Amino acid sequence: MADYRGIEYLRRKLNQKRTRVLLRYEYYEMKDRRAQVSAVIPQRLRAMYQSTFGWCAKAVDSMADRLQFRGFTEDNFELMEIFQMNNPDVLFDSAILGALISSCDFIYISADEDGYPKMQVIDGANATGIIDPITGLLKEGYAVLDRDDNNRPSIEAYFLPERTEIYYKGDPDPDVYTHNVKYPLLVPIIYRPDAKRPFGHSRISRTIMYLQNAAKATMERSEISAEFYSWPQKYVLGLSEDAQDFDTWKATISSMLDFRQDENGNSPTVGQFTQQSMSPYTEQLRTIASVFAGETGLTLDDLGFVSQNPSSAEAIKASHETLRLTARKAQRTFGSGFLNAGYLAACLRDDFPYLRRQFYLTRPLWEPIFEPDMAALGLIGDGVQKINTAVPGYFTEENLRDLTGIPSIKTDIEEF
């Protein structure tokens, strides 16, 4: 135990990072309540108009919805069978979505009563660890499995090679579960890691949080200004001091006002101040949306600003080139995490400490980021025919599915 940091260190580390992760979940769930600072808008009006924006959620979902994990090729250890027994439709999507929000999610692996691996996704606000930058696996890990009504940990887990310790609130002695796996049974699923930040970066960056705040402030100002836009201010000049006071509210909604001449034959002058325009707010919001789209690889159409007629699948793909490249990068890092999870689950299932290098042939497979339309399928068919004529057998059912996302009948039967 001298070589490990210990559970107390990991508890402190999680508490330091937890606030940052929860902040990003607030932006994703549109529950952020930022204090609006304004020198001209009274506090009462600011409290009446509190807008919400879903741009951060759009930035995350537009990526997560395009990342569809298919399985593994050269699956010599039948890893996909383990995932199929652990509700993969929810497991993969939940891990990907959480990693995009918090930069890192974790898959917690345990054994059921029959010794078969169980997998559970734990978000980045409830798990952490010490990572091995070479393998992407943890040297030791910590996770909060359950919290009480006061949001305090009631069940905690400390992960070490060949053992997992479960701590229950009020009980100093943990339940210890040993296993024949050389790594902790907590696997990180990381989005865009690098040498400085091995646990990755969140898709909800500081820049797009600032831009969403700016958009909210613009919308709130436009809503307040709309009240004055709907009821422009009017004025009356030259009223006699003996004139009877009139109800300003009735004067505002009345369709006819009666102003009579005084004893000298003079009549008052009625006027209206220049009506406020909503155009500056619209232009400002569009500018913020343009910057937000540039930061996230989206287009103005994705953010609700329709700029042109409906596009073809190829035009949509071309306009989302930055998003496509970012998704490709995410596929590589997420695929490595899923392979690591499958590797440890296979060791637990077979009760045998396989070596990581024994899985070098196994490669993650993903569905196409952009599904081709009928026109694109025709172009793919012509290209495949010409290439296979020049190099017979170059395109097969497997790599054709990588291009089109359409499985063959034979593949469907085998998967079923």
Protein backbone atom coordinates (compact mmCIF):
# COMPACT_ATOMS: atom_id res chain seq x y z
CA MET A 1 0.00 0.00 0.00
CA ALA A 2 3.03 2.28 0.28
CA ASP A 3 3.10 2.81 -3.49
CA TYR A 4 -0.51 4.06 -3.63
CA ARG A 5 -1.87 7.53 -2.84
CA GLY A 6 -4.71 6.14 -0.74
CA ILE A 7 -8.44 6.74 -0.54
CA GLU A 8 -8.15 9.99 1.42
CA TYR A 9 -6.06 11.57 -1.32
CA LEU A 10 -8.55 10.48 -3.98
CA ARG A 11 -11.45 11.85 -1.94
CA ARG A 12 -9.79 15.27 -1.84
CA LYS A 13 -9.01 15.08 -5.54
CA LEU A 14 -12.63 14.31 -6.40
CA ASN A 15 -13.92 17.17 -4.24
CA GLN A 16 -11.62 19.58 -6.07
CA LYS A 17 -12.91 18.53 -9.50
CA ARG A 18 -16.54 17.91 -8.62
CA THR A 19 -17.59 21.57 -8.67
CA ARG A 20 -16.22 22.04 -12.19
CA VAL A 21 -18.05 18.97 -13.47
CA LEU A 22 -21.36 19.92 -11.84
CA LEU A 23 -21.10 23.40 -13.37
CA ARG A 24 -20.96 21.89 -16.84
CA TYR A 25 -23.92 19.67 -16.10
CA GLU A 26 -25.84 22.80 -15.08
CA TYR A 27 -25.10 24.37 -18.45
CA TYR A 28 -26.03 21.16 -20.26
CA GLU A 29 -29.31 20.85 -18.36
CA MET A 30 -30.03 24.60 -18.82
CA LYS A 31 -30.18 25.13 -15.05
CA ASP A 32 -27.37 27.69 -14.81
CA ARG A 33 -28.42 30.83 -12.96
CA ARG A 34 -25.75 33.44 -13.53
CA ALA A 35 -26.02 36.76 -11.68
CA GLN A 36 -26.82 39.35 -14.36
CA VAL A 37 -24.77 42.50 -13.84
CA SER A 38 -26.24 45.61 -15.41
CA ALA A 39 -25.91 49.30 -14.62
CA VAL A 40 -29.16 50.27 -16.35
CA ILE A 41 -31.59 47.38 -15.74
CA PRO A 42 -33.17 47.41 -12.25
CA GLN A 43 -32.97 44.28 -10.14
CA ARG A 44 -36.76 43.88 -10.24
CA LEU A 45 -36.76 43.68 -14.02
CA ARG A 46 -33.78 41.31 -14.09
CA ALA A 47 -35.66 38.95 -11.80
CA MET A 48 -38.74 39.02 -14.07
CA TYR A 49 -36.87 38.07 -17.25
CA GLN A 50 -34.59 35.05 -16.88
CA SER A 51 -34.02 33.38 -20.22
CA THR A 52 -32.55 29.92 -20.83
CA PHE A 53 -30.53 28.69 -23.78
CA GLY A 54 -29.80 25.14 -24.93
CA TRP A 55 -26.74 25.88 -27.03
CA CYS A 56 -24.35 23.96 -24.74
CA ALA A 57 -26.70 20.97 -24.84
CA LYS A 58 -26.84 21.31 -28.63
CA ALA A 59 -23.03 21.29 -28.84
CA VAL A 60 -22.87 18.08 -26.81
CA ASP A 61 -25.84 16.27 -28.34
CA SER A 62 -24.82 17.05 -31.92
CA MET A 63 -21.60 15.14 -31.23
CA ALA A 64 -23.00 12.38 -29.01
CA ASP A 65 -25.82 11.50 -31.41
CA ARG A 66 -23.33 10.90 -34.23
CA LEU A 67 -21.07 8.57 -32.23
CA GLN A 68 -22.61 5.12 -32.54
CA PHE A 69 -20.37 2.29 -31.35
CA ARG A 70 -20.87 -0.88 -33.40
CA GLY A 71 -18.53 -3.41 -31.82
CA PHE A 72 -15.08 -4.92 -32.34
CA THR A 73 -13.33 -6.51 -35.26
CA GLU A 74 -11.04 -9.51 -34.64
CA ASP A 75 -12.91 -10.04 -31.38
CA ASN A 76 -10.91 -13.09 -30.38
CA PHE A 77 -11.85 -12.86 -26.71
CA GLU A 78 -15.59 -12.30 -27.32
CA LEU A 79 -15.60 -8.89 -25.69
CA MET A 80 -18.79 -7.81 -27.41
CA GLU A 81 -20.64 -10.69 -25.79
CA ILE A 82 -19.90 -9.12 -22.40
CA PHE A 83 -21.19 -5.74 -23.54
CA GLN A 84 -24.30 -7.34 -25.05
CA MET A 85 -25.13 -8.74 -21.61
CA ASN A 86 -24.84 -5.26 -20.06
CA ASN A 87 -27.46 -3.28 -22.01
CA PRO A 88 -25.06 -1.78 -24.60
CA ASP A 89 -27.58 0.68 -26.06
CA VAL A 90 -27.62 2.53 -22.75
CA LEU A 91 -24.07 1.77 -21.61
CA PHE A 92 -22.24 3.17 -24.66
CA ASP A 93 -24.47 6.21 -25.12
CA SER A 94 -24.36 7.08 -21.41
CA ALA A 95 -20.58 6.81 -21.26
CA ILE A 96 -20.11 8.92 -24.41
CA LEU A 97 -22.54 11.63 -23.33
CA GLY A 98 -21.07 11.93 -19.85
CA ALA A 99 -17.50 12.05 -21.18
CA LEU A 100 -18.40 14.87 -23.57
CA ILE A 101 -19.88 16.89 -20.69
CA SER A 102 -17.37 16.22 -17.92
CA SER A 103 -14.32 15.25 -20.06
CA CYS A 104 -14.18 11.80 -18.45
CA ASP A 105 -16.65 9.13 -17.41
CA PHE A 106 -15.86 5.78 -15.81
CA ILE A 107 -17.08 2.21 -16.33
CA TYR A 108 -17.25 0.33 -13.05
CA ILE A 109 -16.85 -3.44 -13.46
CA SER A 110 -17.95 -5.96 -10.86
CA ALA A 111 -19.02 -9.58 -10.78
CA ASP A 112 -22.58 -10.81 -10.29
CA GLU A 113 -23.53 -13.82 -8.17
CA ASP A 114 -22.42 -16.14 -10.99
CA GLY A 115 -19.10 -14.39 -11.48
CA TYR A 116 -20.10 -12.77 -14.81
CA PRO A 117 -18.97 -9.14 -15.32
CA LYS A 118 -21.43 -6.32 -14.64
CA MET A 119 -20.79 -2.84 -16.03
CA GLN A 120 -22.05 0.47 -14.71
CA VAL A 121 -21.30 4.01 -15.91
CA ILE A 122 -20.24 6.51 -13.22
CA ASP A 123 -20.07 10.20 -14.12
CA GLY A 124 -16.98 12.33 -13.65
CA ALA A 125 -18.46 14.08 -10.60
CA ASN A 126 -18.45 10.81 -8.64
CA ALA A 127 -15.23 9.04 -9.64
CA THR A 128 -11.53 9.73 -10.11
CA GLY A 129 -8.20 7.94 -10.02
CA ILE A 130 -4.51 7.89 -10.84
CA ILE A 131 -4.10 7.14 -14.53
CA ASP A 132 -1.34 5.26 -16.33
CA PRO A 133 -0.62 7.46 -19.38
CA ILE A 134 0.75 4.52 -21.36
CA THR A 135 -2.19 2.11 -21.14
CA GLY A 136 -4.99 4.55 -20.32
CA LEU A 137 -5.95 2.34 -17.37
CA LEU A 138 -5.94 3.37 -13.72
CA LYS A 139 -3.28 2.54 -11.16
CA GLU A 140 -5.85 3.09 -8.40
CA GLY A 141 -9.36 4.50 -8.42
CA TYR A 142 -12.12 5.88 -6.25
CA ALA A 143 -15.86 6.19 -6.85
CA VAL A 144 -18.95 7.24 -4.95
CA LEU A 145 -21.54 4.55 -5.65
CA ASP A 146 -24.39 6.16 -3.72
CA ARG A 147 -25.20 9.41 -1.91
CA ASP A 148 -27.69 10.19 0.86
CA ASP A 149 -30.38 12.88 0.87
CA ASN A 150 -27.77 15.50 1.87
CA ASN A 151 -25.62 14.57 -1.15
CA ARG A 152 -22.97 13.00 1.07
CA PRO A 153 -21.32 9.69 0.10
CA SER A 154 -23.05 6.70 1.67
CA ILE A 155 -21.34 3.96 -0.37
CA GLU A 156 -17.77 4.39 -1.62
CA ALA A 157 -15.45 2.10 -3.58
CA TYR A 158 -11.67 2.06 -3.61
CA PHE A 159 -10.14 0.20 -6.55
CA LEU A 160 -6.75 -1.46 -6.56
CA PRO A 161 -5.15 -4.18 -8.67
CA GLU A 162 -6.64 -7.55 -7.70
CA ARG A 163 -9.01 -6.06 -5.10
CA THR A 164 -11.97 -3.72 -4.66
CA GLU A 165 -12.89 -2.26 -1.27
CA ILE A 166 -16.48 -1.12 -0.62
CA TYR A 167 -17.00 1.36 2.24
CA TYR A 168 -20.41 1.92 3.84
CA LYS A 169 -21.23 5.06 5.78
CA GLY A 170 -20.72 4.53 9.50
CA ASP A 171 -18.72 1.32 9.06
CA PRO A 172 -14.91 1.77 9.23
CA ASP A 173 -14.20 -1.75 7.98
CA PRO A 174 -14.70 -2.19 4.20
CA ASP A 175 -16.00 -5.21 2.36
CA VAL A 176 -13.08 -6.53 0.31
CA TYR A 177 -13.61 -8.33 -3.02
CA THR A 178 -10.56 -9.94 -4.59
CA HIS A 179 -10.20 -10.79 -8.27
CA ASN A 180 -7.59 -12.09 -10.69
CA VAL A 181 -7.17 -8.86 -12.69
CA LYS A 182 -3.92 -6.88 -12.69
CA TYR A 183 -5.66 -3.50 -12.90
CA PRO A 184 -8.37 -1.71 -10.86
CA LEU A 185 -11.88 -2.47 -12.15
CA LEU A 186 -12.62 1.17 -12.91
CA VAL A 187 -11.97 2.21 -16.52
CA PRO A 188 -11.84 5.86 -17.68
CA ILE A 189 -13.64 6.87 -20.90
CA ILE A 190 -11.90 10.10 -21.88
CA TYR A 191 -12.67 12.87 -24.40
CA ARG A 192 -9.64 14.54 -26.03
CA PRO A 193 -6.84 13.66 -23.58
CA ASP A 194 -3.33 15.08 -23.90
CA ALA A 195 -0.03 14.98 -22.02
CA LYS A 196 -0.96 17.90 -19.76
CA ARG A 197 -4.54 16.79 -19.06
CA PRO A 198 -4.67 12.99 -19.27
CA PHE A 199 -8.31 13.03 -18.13
CA GLY A 200 -9.26 15.09 -21.17
CA HIS A 201 -11.21 18.25 -21.94
CA SER A 202 -14.93 18.93 -21.74
CA ARG A 203 -16.92 19.68 -24.86
CA ILE A 204 -18.50 22.50 -22.80
CA SER A 205 -15.48 24.79 -22.74
CA ARG A 206 -15.17 28.12 -20.96
CA THR A 207 -15.62 29.90 -24.27
CA ILE A 208 -18.98 28.38 -25.13
CA MET A 209 -20.20 28.90 -21.55
CA TYR A 210 -19.34 32.58 -21.91
CA LEU A 211 -21.07 32.76 -25.30
CA GLN A 212 -24.21 31.13 -23.92
CA ASN A 213 -24.21 33.67 -21.06
CA ALA A 214 -23.84 36.49 -23.59
CA ALA A 215 -26.75 35.13 -25.63
CA LYS A 216 -28.91 34.90 -22.51
CA ALA A 217 -28.08 38.49 -21.56
CA THR A 218 -28.95 39.67 -25.08
CA MET A 219 -32.27 37.84 -25.01
CA GLU A 220 -33.15 39.26 -21.58
CA ARG A 221 -32.39 42.81 -22.75
CA SER A 222 -34.50 42.30 -25.86
CA GLU A 223 -37.43 41.00 -23.76
CA ILE A 224 -37.29 44.06 -21.51
CA SER A 225 -36.98 46.37 -24.50
CA ALA A 226 -39.96 44.66 -26.14
CA GLU A 227 -42.20 46.14 -23.47
CA PHE A 228 -41.20 49.64 -24.57
CA TYR A 229 -41.36 48.56 -28.20
CA SER A 230 -44.97 47.46 -27.73
CA TRP A 231 -46.00 50.66 -25.86
CA PRO A 232 -43.94 53.59 -27.17
CA GLN A 233 -43.78 56.67 -24.95
CA LYS A 234 -45.96 59.67 -25.90
CA TYR A 235 -45.99 63.27 -24.70
CA VAL A 236 -48.28 66.31 -24.64
CA LEU A 237 -46.94 69.88 -24.87
CA GLY A 238 -48.80 73.11 -24.10
CA LEU A 239 -51.43 71.89 -21.66
CA SER A 240 -52.97 74.64 -19.59
CA GLU A 241 -52.22 74.62 -15.89
CA ASP A 242 -55.97 74.52 -15.28
CA ALA A 243 -56.38 71.40 -17.43
CA GLN A 244 -57.81 68.40 -15.66
CA ASP A 245 -55.37 65.56 -15.01
CA PHE A 246 -56.06 62.45 -17.05
CA ASP A 247 -55.38 58.78 -16.40
CA THR A 248 -52.12 57.91 -18.21
CA TRP A 249 -53.06 54.21 -18.52
CA LYS A 250 -56.41 55.04 -20.13
CA ALA A 251 -54.63 57.48 -22.40
CA THR A 252 -52.25 54.74 -23.45
CA ILE A 253 -54.88 52.18 -24.46
CA SER A 254 -57.54 54.64 -25.67
CA SER A 255 -58.11 54.94 -29.42
CA MET A 256 -59.34 58.57 -29.17
CA LEU A 257 -58.14 61.44 -26.97
CA ASP A 258 -59.93 64.80 -26.57
CA PHE A 259 -57.79 67.94 -26.06
CA ARG A 260 -59.70 71.24 -26.30
CA GLN A 261 -58.51 74.80 -26.85
CA ASP A 262 -58.02 77.13 -23.92
CA GLU A 263 -59.56 80.63 -23.59
CA ASN A 264 -56.84 82.08 -25.82
CA GLY A 265 -57.54 79.60 -28.60
CA ASN A 266 -54.34 77.61 -28.10
CA SER A 267 -54.36 73.82 -28.31
CA PRO A 268 -51.77 71.35 -26.92
CA THR A 269 -49.33 69.43 -29.13
CA VAL A 270 -49.33 65.63 -28.97
CA GLY A 271 -46.20 63.67 -29.95
CA GLN A 272 -44.47 60.32 -29.63
CA PHE A 273 -40.86 59.46 -28.93
CA THR A 274 -38.97 57.43 -31.52
CA GLN A 275 -39.98 53.80 -31.24
CA GLN A 276 -37.21 51.47 -30.11
CA SER A 277 -35.96 48.98 -32.71
CA MET A 278 -35.34 45.28 -31.99
CA SER A 279 -32.84 44.95 -34.85
CA PRO A 280 -29.69 45.57 -32.73
CA TYR A 281 -30.56 42.66 -30.46
CA THR A 282 -31.23 40.36 -33.40
CA GLU A 283 -27.92 41.24 -35.00
CA GLN A 284 -26.04 40.86 -31.72
CA LEU A 285 -27.60 37.45 -31.09
CA ARG A 286 -26.72 36.33 -34.60
CA THR A 287 -23.13 37.47 -34.11
CA ILE A 288 -22.86 35.50 -30.87
CA ALA A 289 -24.36 32.48 -32.61
CA SER A 290 -21.76 32.75 -35.39
CA VAL A 291 -18.91 32.71 -32.88
CA PHE A 292 -20.53 29.81 -30.99
CA ALA A 293 -20.92 27.83 -34.23
CA GLY A 294 -17.25 28.41 -35.05
CA GLU A 295 -16.19 27.14 -31.63
CA THR A 296 -18.26 23.96 -31.78
CA GLY A 297 -18.19 23.01 -35.46
CA LEU A 298 -21.92 23.64 -35.87
CA THR A 299 -23.67 25.89 -38.37
CA LEU A 300 -26.11 28.74 -37.89
CA ASP A 301 -28.87 26.43 -39.10
CA ASP A 302 -28.10 24.13 -36.16
CA LEU A 303 -28.61 27.07 -33.79
CA GLY A 304 -31.94 28.13 -35.27
CA PHE A 305 -30.83 30.75 -37.81
CA VAL A 306 -32.06 29.42 -41.13
CA SER A 307 -29.75 30.74 -43.82
CA GLN A 308 -30.56 28.74 -46.93
CA ASN A 309 -32.75 26.09 -48.49
CA PRO A 310 -32.55 22.47 -47.25
CA SER A 311 -29.21 20.94 -48.26
CA SER A 312 -28.26 17.52 -49.51
CA ALA A 313 -26.42 15.04 -47.32
CA GLU A 314 -23.11 15.94 -48.96
CA ALA A 315 -23.69 19.67 -48.43
CA ILE A 316 -24.53 19.08 -44.77
CA LYS A 317 -21.40 16.94 -44.41
CA ALA A 318 -19.24 19.62 -46.03
CA SER A 319 -20.62 22.36 -43.76
CA HIS A 320 -19.85 20.21 -40.71
CA GLU A 321 -16.26 19.36 -41.63
CA THR A 322 -14.92 20.57 -38.27
CA LEU A 323 -17.55 18.52 -36.45
CA ARG A 324 -16.62 15.44 -38.52
CA LEU A 325 -12.92 15.73 -37.66
CA THR A 326 -13.72 16.24 -33.97
CA ALA A 327 -15.99 13.20 -34.01
CA ARG A 328 -13.24 11.11 -35.62
CA LYS A 329 -10.89 12.09 -32.82
CA ALA A 330 -13.53 11.21 -30.23
CA GLN A 331 -14.04 7.79 -31.83
CA ARG A 332 -10.38 6.95 -31.40
CA THR A 333 -10.21 7.87 -27.71
CA PHE A 334 -13.60 6.40 -26.79
CA GLY A 335 -12.82 3.21 -28.71
CA SER A 336 -9.63 2.77 -26.70
CA GLY A 337 -11.60 3.18 -23.47
CA PHE A 338 -14.23 0.62 -24.48
CA LEU A 339 -11.48 -1.82 -25.46
CA ASN A 340 -9.84 -1.36 -22.05
CA ALA A 341 -13.17 -2.01 -20.34
CA GLY A 342 -13.71 -5.14 -22.41
CA TYR A 343 -10.18 -6.33 -21.65
CA LEU A 344 -10.65 -6.09 -17.87
CA ALA A 345 -14.12 -7.64 -18.08
CA ALA A 346 -12.69 -10.58 -20.04
CA CYS A 347 -10.04 -11.09 -17.35
CA LEU A 348 -12.76 -11.07 -14.69
CA ARG A 349 -15.02 -13.41 -16.67
CA ASP A 350 -12.30 -15.99 -17.36
CA ASP A 351 -10.60 -15.51 -13.97
CA PHE A 352 -7.30 -15.18 -15.79
CA PRO A 353 -4.89 -12.19 -15.93
CA TYR A 354 -4.54 -11.73 -19.68
CA LEU A 355 -1.82 -9.39 -20.94
CA ARG A 356 -2.92 -6.15 -22.56
CA ARG A 357 -0.82 -6.84 -25.66
CA GLN A 358 -2.81 -10.00 -26.35
CA PHE A 359 -5.64 -7.75 -27.55
CA TYR A 360 -3.61 -5.87 -30.17
CA LEU A 361 -5.63 -7.32 -33.07
CA THR A 362 -8.97 -6.23 -31.63
CA ARG A 363 -10.11 -2.92 -33.10
CA PRO A 364 -13.21 -0.83 -32.25
CA LEU A 365 -15.78 -0.26 -35.02
CA TRP A 366 -18.09 2.73 -35.41
CA GLU A 367 -21.02 3.58 -37.62
CA PRO A 368 -20.46 6.41 -40.16
CA ILE A 369 -20.61 9.88 -38.65
CA PHE A 370 -22.83 11.08 -41.51
CA GLU A 371 -25.29 8.66 -43.09
CA PRO A 372 -25.20 8.92 -46.91
CA ASP A 373 -28.36 9.71 -48.87
CA MET A 374 -29.41 7.93 -52.07
CA ALA A 375 -27.29 10.20 -54.28
CA ALA A 376 -24.21 9.52 -52.17
CA LEU A 377 -24.92 5.77 -52.22
CA GLY A 378 -24.95 5.89 -56.01
CA LEU A 379 -21.56 7.61 -56.08
CA ILE A 380 -20.17 5.08 -53.58
CA GLY A 381 -21.45 2.22 -55.74
CA ASP A 382 -19.79 3.60 -58.87
CA GLY A 383 -16.53 4.14 -57.01
CA VAL A 384 -16.56 0.67 -55.46
CA GLN A 385 -17.21 -0.95 -58.83
CA LYS A 386 -14.29 0.87 -60.47
CA ILE A 387 -11.87 0.20 -57.63
CA ASN A 388 -12.78 -3.50 -57.39
CA THR A 389 -12.30 -3.76 -61.15
CA ALA A 390 -8.78 -2.39 -60.80
CA VAL A 391 -8.02 -4.18 -57.50
CA PRO A 392 -10.30 -7.23 -57.19
CA GLY A 393 -11.68 -7.80 -53.72
CA TYR A 394 -10.45 -4.47 -52.33
CA PHE A 395 -13.94 -3.56 -51.07
CA THR A 396 -15.78 -6.20 -49.03
CA GLU A 397 -19.01 -6.25 -47.05
CA GLU A 398 -17.16 -5.13 -43.93
CA ASN A 399 -15.47 -1.99 -45.24
CA LEU A 400 -18.53 -1.14 -47.32
CA ARG A 401 -20.50 -0.99 -44.09
CA ASP A 402 -17.90 1.43 -42.74
CA LEU A 403 -18.76 3.74 -45.66
CA THR A 404 -22.52 3.33 -45.79
CA GLY A 405 -23.55 2.13 -42.33
CA ILE A 406 -25.85 -0.45 -43.98
CA PRO A 407 -25.27 -4.05 -42.81
CA SER A 408 -25.65 -6.94 -45.21
CA ILE A 409 -28.32 -9.60 -44.71
CA LYS A 410 -25.62 -12.08 -43.75
CA THR A 411 -24.23 -9.74 -41.09
CA ASP A 412 -27.71 -9.13 -39.67
CA ILE A 413 -28.29 -12.88 -39.32
CA GLU A 414 -24.91 -13.41 -37.64
CA GLU A 415 -25.49 -10.56 -35.18
CA PHE A 416 -28.97 -11.85 -34.40
